[in-house]
N, C-alpha and C. Protein backbone atom coordinates (compact mmCIF):
# COMPACT_ATOMS: atom_id res chain seq x y z
N MET A 1 77.80 113.45 74.80
CA MET A 1 78.54 113.51 76.04
C MET A 1 78.51 112.13 76.71
N GLU A 2 79.65 111.66 77.13
CA GLU A 2 79.80 110.35 77.77
C GLU A 2 79.41 110.44 79.25
N SER A 3 78.63 109.48 79.72
CA SER A 3 78.25 109.43 81.13
C SER A 3 79.41 108.89 81.96
N ASN A 4 79.58 109.44 83.17
CA ASN A 4 80.62 108.91 84.05
C ASN A 4 80.06 107.75 84.87
N GLU A 5 80.94 107.09 85.63
CA GLU A 5 80.53 105.89 86.37
C GLU A 5 79.44 106.18 87.39
N LEU A 6 79.49 107.34 88.04
CA LEU A 6 78.46 107.68 89.02
C LEU A 6 77.09 107.82 88.34
N GLN A 7 77.06 108.46 87.18
CA GLN A 7 75.81 108.60 86.43
C GLN A 7 75.28 107.24 85.97
N ILE A 8 76.18 106.36 85.55
CA ILE A 8 75.79 105.01 85.13
C ILE A 8 75.17 104.27 86.31
N GLY A 9 75.81 104.35 87.47
CA GLY A 9 75.29 103.70 88.67
C GLY A 9 73.93 104.25 89.08
N THR A 10 73.77 105.56 89.01
CA THR A 10 72.50 106.18 89.35
C THR A 10 71.41 105.75 88.38
N ALA A 11 71.74 105.69 87.10
CA ALA A 11 70.77 105.22 86.10
C ALA A 11 70.35 103.79 86.42
N GLY A 12 71.30 102.94 86.80
CA GLY A 12 71.00 101.55 87.17
C GLY A 12 70.04 101.48 88.35
N GLU A 13 70.27 102.30 89.36
CA GLU A 13 69.38 102.31 90.52
C GLU A 13 67.95 102.67 90.12
N HIS A 14 67.81 103.66 89.27
CA HIS A 14 66.48 104.07 88.82
C HIS A 14 65.81 102.99 87.98
N ILE A 15 66.58 102.30 87.16
CA ILE A 15 66.02 101.20 86.36
C ILE A 15 65.54 100.08 87.27
N VAL A 16 66.29 99.78 88.32
CA VAL A 16 65.88 98.74 89.28
C VAL A 16 64.57 99.13 89.96
N VAL A 17 64.48 100.37 90.44
CA VAL A 17 63.24 100.82 91.09
C VAL A 17 62.08 100.73 90.10
N ALA A 18 62.30 101.16 88.87
CA ALA A 18 61.23 101.07 87.85
C ALA A 18 60.84 99.62 87.61
N ASP A 19 61.80 98.72 87.54
CA ASP A 19 61.51 97.31 87.32
C ASP A 19 60.66 96.75 88.45
N PHE A 20 61.02 97.08 89.69
CA PHE A 20 60.21 96.64 90.82
C PHE A 20 58.80 97.20 90.73
N LEU A 21 58.67 98.50 90.51
CA LEU A 21 57.35 99.13 90.47
C LEU A 21 56.48 98.54 89.36
N LEU A 22 57.08 98.28 88.20
CA LEU A 22 56.32 97.70 87.09
C LEU A 22 55.91 96.25 87.36
N ASN A 23 56.59 95.61 88.33
CA ASN A 23 56.23 94.24 88.72
C ASN A 23 55.39 94.22 90.00
N GLY A 24 54.85 95.37 90.40
CA GLY A 24 53.96 95.43 91.55
C GLY A 24 54.65 95.39 92.90
N VAL A 25 55.95 95.69 92.94
CA VAL A 25 56.73 95.68 94.18
C VAL A 25 57.07 97.12 94.53
N SER A 26 56.72 97.55 95.74
CA SER A 26 57.08 98.90 96.19
C SER A 26 58.59 98.96 96.36
N ALA A 27 59.20 100.06 95.94
CA ALA A 27 60.66 100.18 96.03
C ALA A 27 61.06 101.65 96.06
N PHE A 28 62.21 101.91 96.68
CA PHE A 28 62.76 103.25 96.69
C PHE A 28 64.27 103.18 96.82
N ILE A 29 64.93 104.25 96.37
CA ILE A 29 66.39 104.35 96.48
C ILE A 29 66.73 104.71 97.92
N SER A 30 67.74 104.04 98.48
CA SER A 30 68.14 104.28 99.86
C SER A 30 69.04 105.52 99.96
N ASN A 31 69.37 105.88 101.18
CA ASN A 31 70.29 107.00 101.40
C ASN A 31 71.69 106.63 100.95
N HIS A 32 72.41 107.62 100.45
CA HIS A 32 73.81 107.38 100.08
C HIS A 32 74.59 107.04 101.34
N GLY A 33 75.54 106.15 101.22
CA GLY A 33 76.32 105.72 102.36
C GLY A 33 75.84 104.41 102.95
N SER A 34 74.65 103.95 102.54
CA SER A 34 74.15 102.65 103.00
C SER A 34 74.91 101.55 102.28
N SER A 35 74.87 100.34 102.82
CA SER A 35 75.52 99.22 102.15
C SER A 35 74.64 98.64 101.05
N TYR A 36 73.45 99.20 100.86
CA TYR A 36 72.54 98.79 99.80
C TYR A 36 72.02 100.04 99.11
N ASP A 37 71.54 99.86 97.88
CA ASP A 37 71.12 101.00 97.06
C ASP A 37 69.62 101.18 97.00
N VAL A 38 68.89 100.08 97.09
CA VAL A 38 67.43 100.10 96.91
C VAL A 38 66.80 99.23 97.99
N VAL A 39 65.64 99.63 98.43
CA VAL A 39 64.83 98.81 99.33
C VAL A 39 63.56 98.44 98.58
N ALA A 40 63.23 97.16 98.60
CA ALA A 40 62.01 96.67 97.93
C ALA A 40 61.12 96.01 98.98
N ASP A 41 59.84 96.30 98.91
CA ASP A 41 58.84 95.73 99.82
C ASP A 41 57.94 94.82 99.01
N CYS A 42 58.16 93.52 99.14
CA CYS A 42 57.40 92.53 98.38
C CYS A 42 56.47 91.80 99.35
N ASP A 43 55.20 92.14 99.31
CA ASP A 43 54.19 91.53 100.19
C ASP A 43 54.59 91.59 101.66
N GLY A 44 55.10 92.74 102.09
CA GLY A 44 55.46 92.94 103.49
C GLY A 44 56.84 92.47 103.87
N LYS A 45 57.56 91.83 102.96
CA LYS A 45 58.93 91.41 103.24
C LYS A 45 59.89 92.41 102.59
N LEU A 46 60.79 92.97 103.40
CA LEU A 46 61.74 93.95 102.88
C LEU A 46 63.01 93.27 102.38
N PHE A 47 63.46 93.73 101.22
CA PHE A 47 64.72 93.25 100.63
C PHE A 47 65.64 94.44 100.45
N ARG A 48 66.88 94.30 100.92
CA ARG A 48 67.91 95.30 100.71
C ARG A 48 68.69 94.87 99.47
N VAL A 49 68.78 95.78 98.50
CA VAL A 49 69.29 95.43 97.18
C VAL A 49 70.53 96.26 96.86
N GLN A 50 71.61 95.59 96.48
CA GLN A 50 72.82 96.24 96.00
C GLN A 50 72.77 96.20 94.48
N VAL A 51 72.85 97.37 93.85
CA VAL A 51 72.74 97.49 92.40
C VAL A 51 74.13 97.61 91.78
N LYS A 52 74.37 96.83 90.74
CA LYS A 52 75.59 96.94 89.94
C LYS A 52 75.15 97.09 88.49
N THR A 53 75.82 97.98 87.76
CA THR A 53 75.39 98.32 86.42
C THR A 53 76.54 98.21 85.44
N THR A 54 76.25 97.68 84.26
CA THR A 54 77.23 97.67 83.17
C THR A 54 76.58 98.29 81.94
N ARG A 55 77.39 98.91 81.12
CA ARG A 55 76.86 99.59 79.93
C ARG A 55 76.39 98.63 78.85
N GLU A 56 77.19 97.54 78.66
CA GLU A 56 76.89 96.66 77.53
C GLU A 56 77.51 95.29 77.72
N ILE A 57 77.08 94.36 76.91
CA ILE A 57 77.65 93.01 76.89
C ILE A 57 79.08 93.12 76.36
N LYS A 58 79.99 92.27 76.87
CA LYS A 58 81.41 92.36 76.52
C LYS A 58 81.96 91.00 76.11
N LYS A 59 83.02 91.06 75.32
CA LYS A 59 83.83 89.87 75.03
C LYS A 59 85.12 90.03 75.83
N LEU A 60 85.36 89.12 76.77
CA LEU A 60 86.56 89.24 77.60
C LEU A 60 87.81 88.76 76.87
N THR A 61 87.64 87.84 75.94
CA THR A 61 88.76 87.42 75.09
C THR A 61 88.26 87.40 73.65
N GLN A 62 89.16 87.35 72.73
CA GLN A 62 88.80 87.44 71.33
C GLN A 62 87.91 86.28 70.87
N ARG A 63 88.14 85.08 71.38
CA ARG A 63 87.38 83.91 70.93
C ARG A 63 86.09 83.69 71.71
N ALA A 64 85.93 84.34 72.82
CA ALA A 64 84.80 84.06 73.71
C ALA A 64 83.51 84.71 73.20
N ASN A 65 82.40 84.08 73.55
CA ASN A 65 81.11 84.69 73.30
C ASN A 65 80.86 85.75 74.37
N PRO A 66 80.02 86.73 74.06
CA PRO A 66 79.85 87.86 74.98
C PRO A 66 79.14 87.49 76.29
N ILE A 67 79.49 88.26 77.32
CA ILE A 67 78.87 88.11 78.64
C ILE A 67 78.63 89.51 79.22
N TYR A 68 77.76 89.57 80.20
CA TYR A 68 77.64 90.76 81.04
C TYR A 68 78.54 90.53 82.24
N TYR A 69 79.42 91.49 82.49
CA TYR A 69 80.44 91.34 83.52
C TYR A 69 80.26 92.42 84.57
N TYR A 70 80.23 92.02 85.85
CA TYR A 70 80.01 92.94 86.96
C TYR A 70 81.09 92.77 88.02
N HIS A 71 81.71 93.89 88.42
CA HIS A 71 82.59 93.91 89.59
C HIS A 71 81.69 94.06 90.80
N ILE A 72 81.91 93.28 91.85
CA ILE A 72 81.01 93.37 92.99
C ILE A 72 81.71 93.79 94.28
N LYS A 73 82.86 94.41 94.15
CA LYS A 73 83.48 95.01 95.33
C LYS A 73 82.75 96.31 95.64
N ARG A 74 82.94 96.79 96.86
CA ARG A 74 82.38 98.10 97.20
C ARG A 74 83.08 99.17 96.38
N SER A 75 82.36 100.15 95.95
CA SER A 75 82.90 101.28 95.18
C SER A 75 83.46 100.85 93.83
N GLY A 76 82.82 99.90 93.16
CA GLY A 76 83.17 99.56 91.79
C GLY A 76 84.41 98.71 91.64
N LYS A 77 84.92 98.66 90.41
CA LYS A 77 85.99 97.74 90.07
C LYS A 77 87.29 98.03 90.81
N ASN A 78 87.52 99.26 91.23
CA ASN A 78 88.75 99.59 91.94
C ASN A 78 88.56 99.59 93.46
N GLY A 79 87.38 99.21 93.92
CA GLY A 79 87.10 99.19 95.36
C GLY A 79 88.01 98.22 96.09
N LYS A 80 88.36 98.57 97.29
CA LYS A 80 89.27 97.74 98.09
C LYS A 80 88.50 96.92 99.13
N LYS A 81 87.26 97.30 99.40
CA LYS A 81 86.48 96.63 100.43
C LYS A 81 85.54 95.62 99.80
N PHE A 82 85.20 94.62 100.59
CA PHE A 82 84.26 93.60 100.13
C PHE A 82 83.00 93.69 100.97
N TYR A 83 81.91 93.25 100.39
CA TYR A 83 80.65 93.23 101.12
C TYR A 83 80.65 92.10 102.13
N LYS A 84 79.91 92.31 103.22
CA LYS A 84 79.74 91.29 104.25
C LYS A 84 78.33 90.72 104.16
N LYS A 85 78.16 89.53 104.69
CA LYS A 85 76.91 88.78 104.61
C LYS A 85 75.67 89.61 104.95
N ASN A 86 75.71 90.41 105.98
CA ASN A 86 74.51 91.13 106.40
C ASN A 86 74.38 92.53 105.81
N ASP A 87 75.21 92.89 104.83
CA ASP A 87 75.13 94.21 104.23
C ASP A 87 73.86 94.40 103.40
N PHE A 88 73.42 93.34 102.74
CA PHE A 88 72.21 93.39 101.91
C PHE A 88 71.78 91.98 101.59
N ASP A 89 70.65 91.84 100.89
CA ASP A 89 70.06 90.53 100.63
C ASP A 89 70.33 89.99 99.22
N LEU A 90 70.38 90.88 98.25
CA LEU A 90 70.56 90.42 96.88
C LEU A 90 71.19 91.49 96.01
N PHE A 91 71.73 91.03 94.89
CA PHE A 91 72.23 91.93 93.85
C PHE A 91 71.15 92.10 92.79
N ALA A 92 71.02 93.33 92.30
CA ALA A 92 70.26 93.61 91.08
C ALA A 92 71.31 94.06 90.07
N LEU A 93 71.49 93.28 89.03
CA LEU A 93 72.52 93.54 88.02
C LEU A 93 71.85 94.11 86.79
N VAL A 94 72.23 95.32 86.43
CA VAL A 94 71.57 96.04 85.34
C VAL A 94 72.43 96.00 84.09
N ALA A 95 71.80 95.66 82.96
CA ALA A 95 72.44 95.72 81.64
C ALA A 95 71.80 96.90 80.90
N LEU A 96 72.51 98.01 80.83
CA LEU A 96 71.94 99.23 80.25
C LEU A 96 71.58 99.07 78.78
N ASP A 97 72.39 98.33 78.02
CA ASP A 97 72.14 98.23 76.59
C ASP A 97 70.80 97.57 76.26
N ILE A 98 70.32 96.68 77.12
CA ILE A 98 69.04 96.02 76.87
C ILE A 98 67.99 96.41 77.92
N ARG A 99 68.37 97.31 78.83
CA ARG A 99 67.46 97.80 79.88
C ARG A 99 66.81 96.66 80.67
N LYS A 100 67.65 95.70 81.08
CA LYS A 100 67.19 94.54 81.85
C LYS A 100 67.87 94.51 83.20
N VAL A 101 67.17 93.89 84.17
CA VAL A 101 67.70 93.71 85.51
C VAL A 101 67.73 92.22 85.82
N PHE A 102 68.86 91.73 86.33
CA PHE A 102 69.02 90.33 86.71
C PHE A 102 69.16 90.28 88.22
N TYR A 103 68.48 89.35 88.86
CA TYR A 103 68.47 89.27 90.33
C TYR A 103 69.16 87.99 90.80
N ILE A 104 70.06 88.16 91.76
CA ILE A 104 70.78 87.01 92.31
C ILE A 104 71.04 87.25 93.80
N GLY A 105 70.82 86.24 94.60
CA GLY A 105 71.01 86.34 96.03
C GLY A 105 72.47 86.50 96.42
N PHE A 106 72.70 87.18 97.52
CA PHE A 106 74.05 87.39 98.02
C PHE A 106 74.79 86.07 98.17
N ASP A 107 74.12 85.06 98.71
CA ASP A 107 74.75 83.76 98.97
C ASP A 107 75.12 82.99 97.70
N GLU A 108 74.55 83.36 96.58
CA GLU A 108 74.83 82.65 95.33
C GLU A 108 76.12 83.12 94.66
N VAL A 109 76.66 84.24 95.11
CA VAL A 109 77.85 84.83 94.49
C VAL A 109 79.09 84.32 95.23
N LYS A 110 80.00 83.72 94.49
CA LYS A 110 81.17 83.06 95.10
C LYS A 110 82.50 83.73 94.78
N SER A 111 82.49 84.86 94.08
CA SER A 111 83.76 85.51 93.74
C SER A 111 83.59 87.03 93.76
N ASN A 112 84.61 87.75 93.29
CA ASN A 112 84.59 89.22 93.28
C ASN A 112 83.99 89.80 92.01
N SER A 113 83.55 88.94 91.13
CA SER A 113 82.90 89.40 89.91
C SER A 113 81.82 88.39 89.52
N ILE A 114 80.90 88.86 88.73
CA ILE A 114 79.82 88.00 88.25
C ILE A 114 79.77 88.09 86.74
N CYS A 115 79.74 86.95 86.09
CA CYS A 115 79.61 86.88 84.64
C CYS A 115 78.25 86.28 84.32
N ILE A 116 77.46 87.00 83.54
CA ILE A 116 76.12 86.56 83.17
C ILE A 116 76.09 86.31 81.67
N ARG A 117 75.63 85.14 81.31
CA ARG A 117 75.56 84.75 79.90
C ARG A 117 74.15 84.94 79.36
N SER A 118 74.04 84.89 78.05
CA SER A 118 72.75 84.90 77.37
C SER A 118 72.55 83.54 76.72
N ASN A 119 71.35 82.99 76.81
CA ASN A 119 71.12 81.69 76.17
C ASN A 119 71.03 81.80 74.65
N GLU A 120 71.26 82.98 74.12
CA GLU A 120 71.31 83.17 72.67
C GLU A 120 72.64 82.72 72.07
N TYR A 121 73.64 82.46 72.93
CA TYR A 121 74.97 82.08 72.47
C TYR A 121 75.32 80.67 72.93
N ASP A 122 76.21 80.03 72.17
CA ASP A 122 76.73 78.72 72.55
C ASP A 122 78.09 78.93 73.20
N TYR A 123 78.19 78.61 74.47
CA TYR A 123 79.41 78.83 75.23
C TYR A 123 80.27 77.58 75.37
N SER A 124 79.97 76.55 74.62
CA SER A 124 80.70 75.29 74.79
C SER A 124 82.20 75.43 74.51
N GLY A 125 82.61 76.35 73.67
CA GLY A 125 84.02 76.56 73.38
C GLY A 125 84.71 77.50 74.36
N ASN A 126 83.94 78.15 75.21
CA ASN A 126 84.50 79.10 76.18
C ASN A 126 85.00 78.39 77.42
N ARG A 127 85.89 79.07 78.14
CA ARG A 127 86.33 78.58 79.44
C ARG A 127 85.09 78.46 80.33
N GLY A 128 84.96 77.37 81.04
CA GLY A 128 83.79 77.18 81.89
C GLY A 128 82.73 76.33 81.22
N GLY A 129 82.87 76.07 79.92
CA GLY A 129 82.02 75.10 79.28
C GLY A 129 80.69 75.59 78.77
N GLY A 130 79.82 74.64 78.55
CA GLY A 130 78.54 74.86 77.88
C GLY A 130 77.41 75.26 78.80
N LYS A 131 76.21 75.00 78.34
CA LYS A 131 74.99 75.49 78.97
C LYS A 131 74.81 75.08 80.42
N LYS A 132 75.29 73.91 80.81
CA LYS A 132 75.05 73.48 82.20
C LYS A 132 75.82 74.33 83.21
N ASN A 133 76.87 74.99 82.75
CA ASN A 133 77.68 75.83 83.64
C ASN A 133 77.31 77.30 83.46
N GLY A 134 77.47 78.06 84.51
CA GLY A 134 77.30 79.50 84.39
C GLY A 134 75.91 79.99 84.71
N LEU A 135 75.80 81.31 84.77
CA LEU A 135 74.55 82.00 85.04
C LEU A 135 74.02 82.57 83.74
N TYR A 136 72.75 82.40 83.50
CA TYR A 136 72.10 82.92 82.30
C TYR A 136 71.06 83.95 82.70
N TYR A 137 71.12 85.12 82.06
CA TYR A 137 70.24 86.20 82.52
C TYR A 137 68.77 85.87 82.35
N GLN A 138 68.44 85.01 81.42
CA GLN A 138 67.04 84.64 81.25
C GLN A 138 66.48 83.91 82.48
N ASP A 139 67.38 83.34 83.31
CA ASP A 139 66.96 82.64 84.53
C ASP A 139 66.96 83.55 85.76
N LEU A 140 67.56 84.72 85.67
CA LEU A 140 67.75 85.57 86.84
C LEU A 140 66.67 86.64 86.95
N THR A 141 65.43 86.22 86.88
CA THR A 141 64.29 87.13 86.97
C THR A 141 63.90 87.34 88.44
N TRP A 142 63.14 88.38 88.69
CA TRP A 142 62.62 88.63 90.04
C TRP A 142 61.73 87.47 90.47
N GLU A 143 60.91 86.97 89.57
CA GLU A 143 60.01 85.86 89.90
C GLU A 143 60.80 84.63 90.34
N ASN A 144 61.87 84.31 89.64
CA ASN A 144 62.70 83.15 90.01
C ASN A 144 63.42 83.39 91.34
N PHE A 145 63.85 84.62 91.60
CA PHE A 145 64.49 84.92 92.87
C PHE A 145 63.50 84.69 94.02
N ILE A 146 62.28 85.17 93.87
CA ILE A 146 61.26 85.02 94.92
C ILE A 146 60.94 83.55 95.13
N LYS A 147 60.80 82.78 94.06
CA LYS A 147 60.52 81.34 94.20
C LYS A 147 61.60 80.63 95.00
N LYS A 148 62.86 80.96 94.74
CA LYS A 148 63.98 80.32 95.45
C LYS A 148 64.04 80.73 96.91
N ASN A 149 63.47 81.88 97.24
CA ASN A 149 63.60 82.41 98.59
C ASN A 149 62.30 82.44 99.38
N GLU A 150 61.35 81.60 98.98
CA GLU A 150 60.09 81.52 99.74
C GLU A 150 60.23 80.66 100.96
């Protein structure tokens, strides 16, 4: 049986909470209707987290190397509303196929979608260029997010 988008999103939220708990950070899923999905308490500092989930790595064009692609509008890819600065503090981007969570601050996102690369691939032939450009999931750890925001 195929999971629907709501089930995929709920699974992502639970994976994020588990990731926080396994890293020693208290976390819980927020009430539905909030502008954020998870609240994390890291050493007394609260973070409001918006979770976005994708099933698997994708190739957007035939020649391109695969990326994790996330729509970041409200209510998924068909959402008409955009998030505002004070809605939450960071995105937790979940890749279900590898059960990983990537963390990126709200201020670091400059468009309506986020493309995350893997350093296992050479993107020099892709639009946007090689390693110096783009976001790599190996860099988007909770530890790196905290270091940048101390």
